[in-house]
Amino acid sequence: MRRLISELLDLLVPSACVRCGIDGPAVCEPCIHALDRGGPARRGTAGGTAVFSSWRWEEAAPVMRAYKAGQTPCARPLGAALRRAVDALVAEAREERDFGAQPIALVPIPSSARSYRRRGFHPVELMASRGGLHSVRVLRHTRRVADQRALGRRDRAANMAGAFALRGALRPGCPVVLIDDVVTTGATLDAAAATLRAGGARVLGAATALSADRDDTPANDR
């Protein structure tokens, strides 16, 4: 209900771009073009998960911060960025691996119950939906985790180890792409990928809207 009210207000009340401040949509076209410059980039995590991301945190942070604060119209441009990252990863995977015509499952990193109660929506799932992507809830949290911002790279991995479990059985060998909003060290994605592989999935990699090189991302409140 909070999300629906927020979106209705956004339609009725004049808005401004959260990145540059000019009147218009939540993220204006010039800002989108600037953020899209260069296209999705590939990187790897410490655990070996391939990650494609469309926007750099240093340039797109105002968009993600506004979105996490409840400005849901940002979900549409963020969802488009996420979709480009997914498309780039899938294109590479199809060139390098043989999984025939099997459908690829897009699995979001889940929100915690606490963050859902606070926001009233699941950020990754809403982004995916607005980007025209169908995601499947396969993962769940097994416990609360510490704020990742306060931890170093090695401690982040330990913090996330065993933090996820499967909500149900996966088809053996099912190709899976993890999706998330931001990747920093990749500890969350590695933990999720390990859980999926243990359940029999074939993890092709991960796709995120944003990629950060520094520990200045929002708190990991999932």
C-alpha atoms as a PDB file:
ATOM      1  CA  MET A   1       0.000   0.000   0.000  1.00  0.00           C
ATOM      2  CA  ARG A   2       2.826   2.429   0.825  1.00  0.00           C
ATOM      3  CA  ARG A   3       4.416   1.737  -2.544  1.00  0.00           C
ATOM      4  CA  LEU A   4       1.137   2.344  -4.406  1.00  0.00           C
ATOM      5  CA  ILE A   5       0.553   5.614  -2.547  1.00  0.00           C
ATOM      6  CA  SER A   6       4.104   6.728  -3.299  1.00  0.00           C
ATOM      7  CA  GLU A   7       3.704   6.008  -7.006  1.00  0.00           C
ATOM      8  CA  LEU A   8       0.356   7.825  -7.120  1.00  0.00           C
ATOM      9  CA  LEU A   9       1.890  10.899  -5.489  1.00  0.00           C
ATOM     10  CA  ASP A  10       4.740  10.810  -7.996  1.00  0.00           C
ATOM     11  CA  LEU A  11       2.189  11.035 -10.791  1.00  0.00           C
ATOM     12  CA  LEU A  12       0.299  13.925  -9.208  1.00  0.00           C
ATOM     13  CA  VAL A  13       3.127  16.005  -7.741  1.00  0.00           C
ATOM     14  CA  PRO A  14       5.843  17.609  -9.923  1.00  0.00           C
ATOM     15  CA  SER A  15       9.156  15.854  -9.464  1.00  0.00           C
ATOM     16  CA  ALA A  16      12.828  16.426 -10.203  1.00  0.00           C
ATOM     17  CA  CYS A  17      15.710  14.208 -11.232  1.00  0.00           C
ATOM     18  CA  VAL A  18      17.308  12.735  -8.109  1.00  0.00           C
ATOM     19  CA  ARG A  19      20.742  12.986  -9.716  1.00  0.00           C
ATOM     20  CA  CYS A  20      20.887  16.485 -11.237  1.00  0.00           C
ATOM     21  CA  GLY A  21      17.810  18.193  -9.808  1.00  0.00           C
ATOM     22  CA  ILE A  22      16.180  19.394 -13.025  1.00  0.00           C
ATOM     23  CA  ASP A  23      12.379  19.225 -13.219  1.00  0.00           C
ATOM     24  CA  GLY A  24      11.043  16.070 -14.782  1.00  0.00           C
ATOM     25  CA  PRO A  25      11.164  12.318 -14.149  1.00  0.00           C
ATOM     26  CA  ALA A  26      12.957  10.692 -11.218  1.00  0.00           C
ATOM     27  CA  VAL A  27      16.018  10.173 -13.438  1.00  0.00           C
ATOM     28  CA  CYS A  28      16.180  12.441 -16.486  1.00  0.00           C
ATOM     29  CA  GLU A  29      17.201  11.265 -19.945  1.00  0.00           C
ATOM     30  CA  PRO A  30      20.541  13.140 -19.980  1.00  0.00           C
ATOM     31  CA  CYS A  31      21.498  11.477 -16.685  1.00  0.00           C
ATOM     32  CA  ILE A  32      20.477   8.050 -17.980  1.00  0.00           C
ATOM     33  CA  HIS A  33      22.587   8.563 -21.103  1.00  0.00           C
ATOM     34  CA  ALA A  34      25.539   9.646 -18.953  1.00  0.00           C
ATOM     35  CA  LEU A  35      25.186   6.609 -16.670  1.00  0.00           C
ATOM     36  CA  ASP A  36      24.800   4.221 -19.607  1.00  0.00           C
ATOM     37  CA  ARG A  37      28.029   5.403 -21.182  1.00  0.00           C
ATOM     38  CA  GLY A  38      30.351   2.463 -21.724  1.00  0.00           C
ATOM     39  CA  GLY A  39      27.728  -0.244 -21.251  1.00  0.00           C
ATOM     40  CA  PRO A  40      27.771  -3.158 -18.772  1.00  0.00           C
ATOM     41  CA  ALA A  41      31.183  -4.019 -17.326  1.00  0.00           C
ATOM     42  CA  ARG A  42      32.378  -7.453 -16.198  1.00  0.00           C
ATOM     43  CA  ARG A  43      34.218  -8.210 -12.999  1.00  0.00           C
ATOM     44  CA  GLY A  44      34.807 -11.197 -10.756  1.00  0.00           C
ATOM     45  CA  THR A  45      34.363 -11.793  -7.029  1.00  0.00           C
ATOM     46  CA  ALA A  46      36.796 -13.404  -4.615  1.00  0.00           C
ATOM     47  CA  GLY A  47      34.747 -16.585  -4.870  1.00  0.00           C
ATOM     48  CA  GLY A  48      34.934 -16.611  -8.647  1.00  0.00           C
ATOM     49  CA  THR A  49      31.409 -15.457  -9.462  1.00  0.00           C
ATOM     50  CA  ALA A  50      31.292 -13.486 -12.720  1.00  0.00           C
ATOM     51  CA  VAL A  51      29.348 -10.234 -12.251  1.00  0.00           C
ATOM     52  CA  PHE A  52      28.055  -7.822 -14.889  1.00  0.00           C
ATOM     53  CA  SER A  53      27.014  -4.330 -13.758  1.00  0.00           C
ATOM     54  CA  SER A  54      25.685  -1.416 -15.796  1.00  0.00           C
ATOM     55  CA  TRP A  55      26.327   1.688 -13.664  1.00  0.00           C
ATOM     56  CA  ARG A  56      29.157   2.791 -11.387  1.00  0.00           C
ATOM     57  CA  TRP A  57      28.271   3.603  -7.781  1.00  0.00           C
ATOM     58  CA  GLU A  58      30.351   6.764  -7.884  1.00  0.00           C
ATOM     59  CA  GLU A  59      28.082   8.163 -10.619  1.00  0.00           C
ATOM     60  CA  ALA A  60      24.723   6.577  -9.786  1.00  0.00           C
ATOM     61  CA  ALA A  61      24.722   6.672  -5.965  1.00  0.00           C
ATOM     62  CA  PRO A  62      22.010   9.407  -5.743  1.00  0.00           C
ATOM     63  CA  VAL A  63      19.648   7.198  -7.750  1.00  0.00           C
ATOM     64  CA  MET A  64      20.123   4.155  -5.534  1.00  0.00           C
ATOM     65  CA  ARG A  65      19.973   6.168  -2.322  1.00  0.00           C
ATOM     66  CA  ALA A  66      16.711   7.796  -3.416  1.00  0.00           C
ATOM     67  CA  TYR A  67      15.294   4.422  -4.391  1.00  0.00           C
ATOM     68  CA  LYS A  68      16.200   2.811  -1.086  1.00  0.00           C
ATOM     69  CA  ALA A  69      14.631   5.802   0.685  1.00  0.00           C
ATOM     70  CA  GLY A  70      11.299   5.049  -1.001  1.00  0.00           C
ATOM     71  CA  GLN A  71      11.354   6.894  -4.328  1.00  0.00           C
ATOM     72  CA  THR A  72      10.033   3.912  -6.277  1.00  0.00           C
ATOM     73  CA  PRO A  73       9.909   5.679  -9.693  1.00  0.00           C
ATOM     74  CA  CYS A  74      13.694   5.130  -9.691  1.00  0.00           C
ATOM     75  CA  ALA A  75      12.929   1.422 -10.071  1.00  0.00           C
ATOM     76  CA  ARG A  76      12.258   1.818 -13.792  1.00  0.00           C
ATOM     77  CA  PRO A  77      15.672   3.236 -14.848  1.00  0.00           C
ATOM     78  CA  LEU A  78      17.422   0.968 -12.342  1.00  0.00           C
ATOM     79  CA  GLY A  79      15.500  -1.989 -13.746  1.00  0.00           C
ATOM     80  CA  ALA A  80      16.580  -1.075 -17.279  1.00  0.00           C
ATOM     81  CA  ALA A  81      20.210  -0.970 -16.070  1.00  0.00           C
ATOM     82  CA  LEU A  82      19.772  -4.361 -14.398  1.00  0.00           C
ATOM     83  CA  ARG A  83      18.303  -5.820 -17.582  1.00  0.00           C
ATOM     84  CA  ARG A  84      21.275  -4.676 -19.667  1.00  0.00           C
ATOM     85  CA  ALA A  85      23.609  -6.381 -17.192  1.00  0.00           C
ATOM     86  CA  VAL A  86      21.541  -9.593 -17.335  1.00  0.00           C
ATOM     87  CA  ASP A  87      21.534  -9.542 -21.141  1.00  0.00           C
ATOM     88  CA  ALA A  88      25.327  -9.082 -21.256  1.00  0.00           C
ATOM     89  CA  LEU A  89      25.938 -11.960 -18.848  1.00  0.00           C
ATOM     90  CA  VAL A  90      23.548 -14.318 -20.650  1.00  0.00           C
ATOM     91  CA  ALA A  91      25.076 -13.470 -24.036  1.00  0.00           C
ATOM     92  CA  GLU A  92      28.555 -14.354 -22.743  1.00  0.00           C
ATOM     93  CA  ALA A  93      27.307 -17.525 -21.052  1.00  0.00           C
ATOM     94  CA  ARG A  94      25.612 -18.752 -24.219  1.00  0.00           C
ATOM     95  CA  GLU A  95      28.848 -18.276 -26.154  1.00  0.00           C
ATOM     96  CA  GLU A  96      31.003 -20.095 -23.609  1.00  0.00           C
ATOM     97  CA  ARG A  97      28.694 -22.819 -22.296  1.00  0.00           C
ATOM     98  CA  ASP A  98      26.223 -25.283 -23.705  1.00  0.00           C
ATOM     99  CA  PHE A  99      22.904 -25.353 -21.894  1.00  0.00           C
ATOM    100  CA  GLY A 100      20.702 -25.665 -24.954  1.00  0.00           C
ATOM    101  CA  ALA A 101      17.261 -24.127 -24.848  1.00  0.00           C
ATOM    102  CA  GLN A 102      16.848 -24.471 -21.088  1.00  0.00           C
ATOM    103  CA  PRO A 103      15.169 -21.404 -19.564  1.00  0.00           C
ATOM    104  CA  ILE A 104      17.382 -19.327 -17.277  1.00  0.00           C
ATOM    105  CA  ALA A 105      16.066 -18.600 -13.787  1.00  0.00           C
ATOM    106  CA  LEU A 106      16.707 -15.092 -12.435  1.00  0.00           C
ATOM    107  CA  VAL A 107      17.136 -15.391  -8.677  1.00  0.00           C
ATOM    108  CA  PRO A 108      17.111 -12.193  -6.586  1.00  0.00           C
ATOM    109  CA  ILE A 109      19.132 -11.736  -3.425  1.00  0.00           C
ATOM    110  CA  PRO A 110      16.296 -11.621  -0.867  1.00  0.00           C
ATOM    111  CA  SER A 111      15.405  -8.680   1.343  1.00  0.00           C
ATOM    112  CA  SER A 112      15.315  -9.242   5.067  1.00  0.00           C
ATOM    113  CA  ALA A 113      11.942  -9.198   6.796  1.00  0.00           C
ATOM    114  CA  ARG A 114      13.141  -6.116   8.675  1.00  0.00           C
ATOM    115  CA  SER A 115      13.924  -4.094   5.558  1.00  0.00           C
ATOM    116  CA  TYR A 116      10.678  -5.170   3.892  1.00  0.00           C
ATOM    117  CA  ARG A 117       8.674  -3.961   6.874  1.00  0.00           C
ATOM    118  CA  ARG A 118      10.485  -0.637   6.750  1.00  0.00           C
ATOM    119  CA  ARG A 119      10.203  -0.042   2.997  1.00  0.00           C
ATOM    120  CA  GLY A 120       7.085  -1.932   2.040  1.00  0.00           C
ATOM    121  CA  PHE A 121       8.694  -3.399  -1.091  1.00  0.00           C
ATOM    122  CA  HIS A 122      11.502  -5.727  -2.165  1.00  0.00           C
ATOM    123  CA  PRO A 123      14.021  -3.475  -3.985  1.00  0.00           C
ATOM    124  CA  VAL A 124      15.618  -6.085  -6.238  1.00  0.00           C
ATOM    125  CA  GLU A 125      12.348  -7.721  -7.232  1.00  0.00           C
ATOM    126  CA  LEU A 126      10.696  -4.380  -7.997  1.00  0.00           C
ATOM    127  CA  MET A 127      13.678  -3.286 -10.110  1.00  0.00           C
ATOM    128  CA  ALA A 128      13.564  -6.548 -12.030  1.00  0.00           C
ATOM    129  CA  SER A 129       9.835  -6.238 -12.653  1.00  0.00           C
ATOM    130  CA  ARG A 130      10.149  -2.656 -13.899  1.00  0.00           C
ATOM    131  CA  GLY A 131      12.957  -3.792 -16.189  1.00  0.00           C
ATOM    132  CA  GLY A 132      10.742  -6.432 -17.752  1.00  0.00           C
ATOM    133  CA  LEU A 133      12.482  -9.313 -15.981  1.00  0.00           C
ATOM    134  CA  HIS A 134      10.724 -12.202 -14.277  1.00  0.00           C
ATOM    135  CA  SER A 135      12.499 -13.242 -11.085  1.00  0.00           C
ATOM    136  CA  VAL A 136      11.897 -16.312  -8.957  1.00  0.00           C
ATOM    137  CA  ARG A 137      12.170 -16.360  -5.160  1.00  0.00           C
ATOM    138  CA  VAL A 138      14.465 -19.282  -4.539  1.00  0.00           C
ATOM    139  CA  LEU A 139      16.589 -18.029  -1.621  1.00  0.00           C
ATOM    140  CA  ARG A 140      15.736 -17.126   1.956  1.00  0.00           C
ATOM    141  CA  HIS A 141      17.751 -15.827   4.889  1.00  0.00           C
ATOM    142  CA  THR A 142      18.760 -18.259   7.606  1.00  0.00           C
ATOM    143  CA  ARG A 143      19.872 -15.609  10.112  1.00  0.00           C
ATOM    144  CA  ARG A 144      20.557 -11.928  10.573  1.00  0.00           C
ATOM    145  CA  VAL A 145      23.927 -10.683   9.343  1.00  0.00           C
ATOM    146  CA  ALA A 146      26.113  -7.796  10.506  1.00  0.00           C
ATOM    147  CA  ASP A 147      26.311  -4.480   8.661  1.00  0.00           C
ATOM    148  CA  GLN A 148      28.755  -5.173   5.839  1.00  0.00           C
ATOM    149  CA  ARG A 149      30.062  -1.579   5.794  1.00  0.00           C
ATOM    150  CA  ALA A 150      31.829  -2.113   9.099  1.00  0.00           C
ATOM    151  CA  LEU A 151      33.689  -5.185   7.840  1.00  0.00           C
ATOM    152  CA  GLY A 152      36.758  -5.806   5.709  1.00  0.00           C
ATOM    153  CA  ARG A 153      36.785  -8.029   2.632  1.00  0.00           C
ATOM    154  CA  ARG A 154      37.641 -11.233   4.508  1.00  0.00           C
ATOM    155  CA  ASP A 155      35.187 -10.531   7.335  1.00  0.00           C
ATOM    156  CA  ARG A 156      32.417  -9.850   4.831  1.00  0.00           C
ATOM    157  CA  ALA A 157      32.825 -13.324   3.398  1.00  0.00           C
ATOM    158  CA  ALA A 158      32.696 -14.860   6.879  1.00  0.00           C
ATOM    159  CA  ASN A 159      29.656 -12.732   7.749  1.00  0.00           C
ATOM    160  CA  MET A 160      27.709 -14.036   4.739  1.00  0.00           C
ATOM    161  CA  ALA A 161      28.824 -17.679   4.885  1.00  0.00           C
ATOM    162  CA  GLY A 162      25.775 -19.881   5.444  1.00  0.00           C
ATOM    163  CA  ALA A 163      23.430 -16.869   5.453  1.00  0.00           C
ATOM    164  CA  PHE A 164      21.132 -18.314   2.773  1.00  0.00           C
ATOM    165  CA  ALA A 165      19.071 -21.442   2.254  1.00  0.00           C
ATOM    166  CA  LEU A 166      16.779 -22.661  -0.511  1.00  0.00           C
ATOM    167  CA  ARG A 167      13.051 -22.059  -0.259  1.00  0.00           C
ATOM    168  CA  GLY A 168      12.376 -25.176  -2.347  1.00  0.00           C
ATOM    169  CA  ALA A 169      13.995 -27.712  -4.634  1.00  0.00           C
ATOM    170  CA  LEU A 170      15.617 -26.653  -7.914  1.00  0.00           C
ATOM    171  CA  ARG A 171      15.600 -28.648 -11.118  1.00  0.00           C
ATOM    172  CA  PRO A 172      19.029 -30.368 -11.332  1.00  0.00           C
ATOM    173  CA  GLY A 173      21.323 -28.432 -13.645  1.00  0.00           C
ATOM    174  CA  CYS A 174      18.940 -25.473 -13.901  1.00  0.00           C
ATOM    175  CA  PRO A 175      20.875 -22.451 -15.275  1.00  0.00           C
ATOM    176  CA  VAL A 176      20.636 -19.566 -12.811  1.00  0.00           C
ATOM    177  CA  VAL A 177      21.609 -15.893 -12.858  1.00  0.00           C
ATOM    178  CA  LEU A 178      21.704 -14.096  -9.505  1.00  0.00           C
ATOM    179  CA  ILE A 179      20.447 -10.503  -9.521  1.00  0.00           C
ATOM    180  CA  ASP A 180      21.070  -7.744  -6.979  1.00  0.00           C
ATOM    181  CA  ASP A 181      21.084  -3.967  -6.748  1.00  0.00           C
ATOM    182  CA  VAL A 182      24.763  -3.277  -5.935  1.00  0.00           C
ATOM    183  CA  VAL A 183      27.937  -5.358  -5.788  1.00  0.00           C
ATOM    184  CA  THR A 184      30.907  -4.253  -3.678  1.00  0.00           C
ATOM    185  CA  THR A 185      33.181  -7.147  -2.675  1.00  0.00           C
ATOM    186  CA  GLY A 186      30.763  -9.802  -3.936  1.00  0.00           C
ATOM    187  CA  ALA A 187      30.595 -11.653  -0.603  1.00  0.00           C
ATOM    188  CA  THR A 188      26.783 -11.737  -0.662  1.00  0.00           C
ATOM    189  CA  LEU A 189      26.694 -13.015  -4.242  1.00  0.00           C
ATOM    190  CA  ASP A 190      29.320 -15.689  -3.506  1.00  0.00           C
ATOM    191  CA  ALA A 191      27.348 -16.964  -0.493  1.00  0.00           C
ATOM    192  CA  ALA A 192      24.134 -17.083  -2.521  1.00  0.00           C
ATOM    193  CA  ALA A 193      25.891 -18.817  -5.430  1.00  0.00           C
ATOM    194  CA  ALA A 194      27.312 -21.466  -3.088  1.00  0.00           C
ATOM    195  CA  THR A 195      23.836 -22.191  -1.735  1.00  0.00           C
ATOM    196  CA  LEU A 196      22.385 -22.531  -5.232  1.00  0.00           C
ATOM    197  CA  ARG A 197      25.191 -24.812  -6.406  1.00  0.00           C
ATOM    198  CA  ALA A 198      24.734 -27.025  -3.346  1.00  0.00           C
ATOM    199  CA  GLY A 199      21.087 -27.325  -4.362  1.00  0.00           C
ATOM    200  CA  GLY A 200      22.020 -28.539  -7.845  1.00  0.00           C
ATOM    201  CA  ALA A 201      21.737 -25.296  -9.823  1.00  0.00           C
ATOM    202  CA  ARG A 202      24.169 -24.250 -12.544  1.00  0.00           C
ATOM    203  CA  VAL A 203      25.106 -20.687 -11.599  1.00  0.00           C
ATOM    204  CA  LEU A 204      26.092 -18.725 -14.694  1.00  0.00           C
ATOM    205  CA  GLY A 205      27.005 -15.605 -12.737  1.00  0.00           C
ATOM    206  CA  ALA A 206      25.376 -12.499 -11.322  1.00  0.00           C
ATOM    207  CA  ALA A 207      24.019  -9.218 -12.641  1.00  0.00           C
ATOM    208  CA  THR A 208      23.587  -5.965 -10.735  1.00  0.00           C
ATOM    209  CA  ALA A 209      22.455  -2.480 -11.612  1.00  0.00           C
ATOM    210  CA  LEU A 210      25.432  -0.836  -9.845  1.00  0.00           C
ATOM    211  CA  SER A 211      29.011  -1.766  -9.044  1.00  0.00           C
ATOM    212  CA  ALA A 212      31.035  -0.150  -6.250  1.00  0.00           C
ATOM    213  CA  ASP A 213      34.796  -0.230  -5.777  1.00  0.00           C
ATOM    214  CA  ARG A 214      34.744   1.355  -2.322  1.00  0.00           C
ATOM    215  CA  ASP A 215      32.900   0.488   0.873  1.00  0.00           C
ATOM    216  CA  ASP A 216      30.620   3.525   0.607  1.00  0.00           C
ATOM    217  CA  THR A 217      27.446   1.705  -0.415  1.00  0.00           C
ATOM    218  CA  PRO A 218      24.242   1.744   1.673  1.00  0.00           C
ATOM    219  CA  ALA A 219      24.119  -0.594   4.652  1.00  0.00           C
ATOM    220  CA  ASN A 220      23.611  -4.225   3.788  1.00  0.00           C
ATOM    221  CA  ASP A 221      20.272  -4.426   5.573  1.00  0.00           C
ATOM    222  CA  ARG A 222      19.017  -7.611   4.012  1.00  0.00           C
END
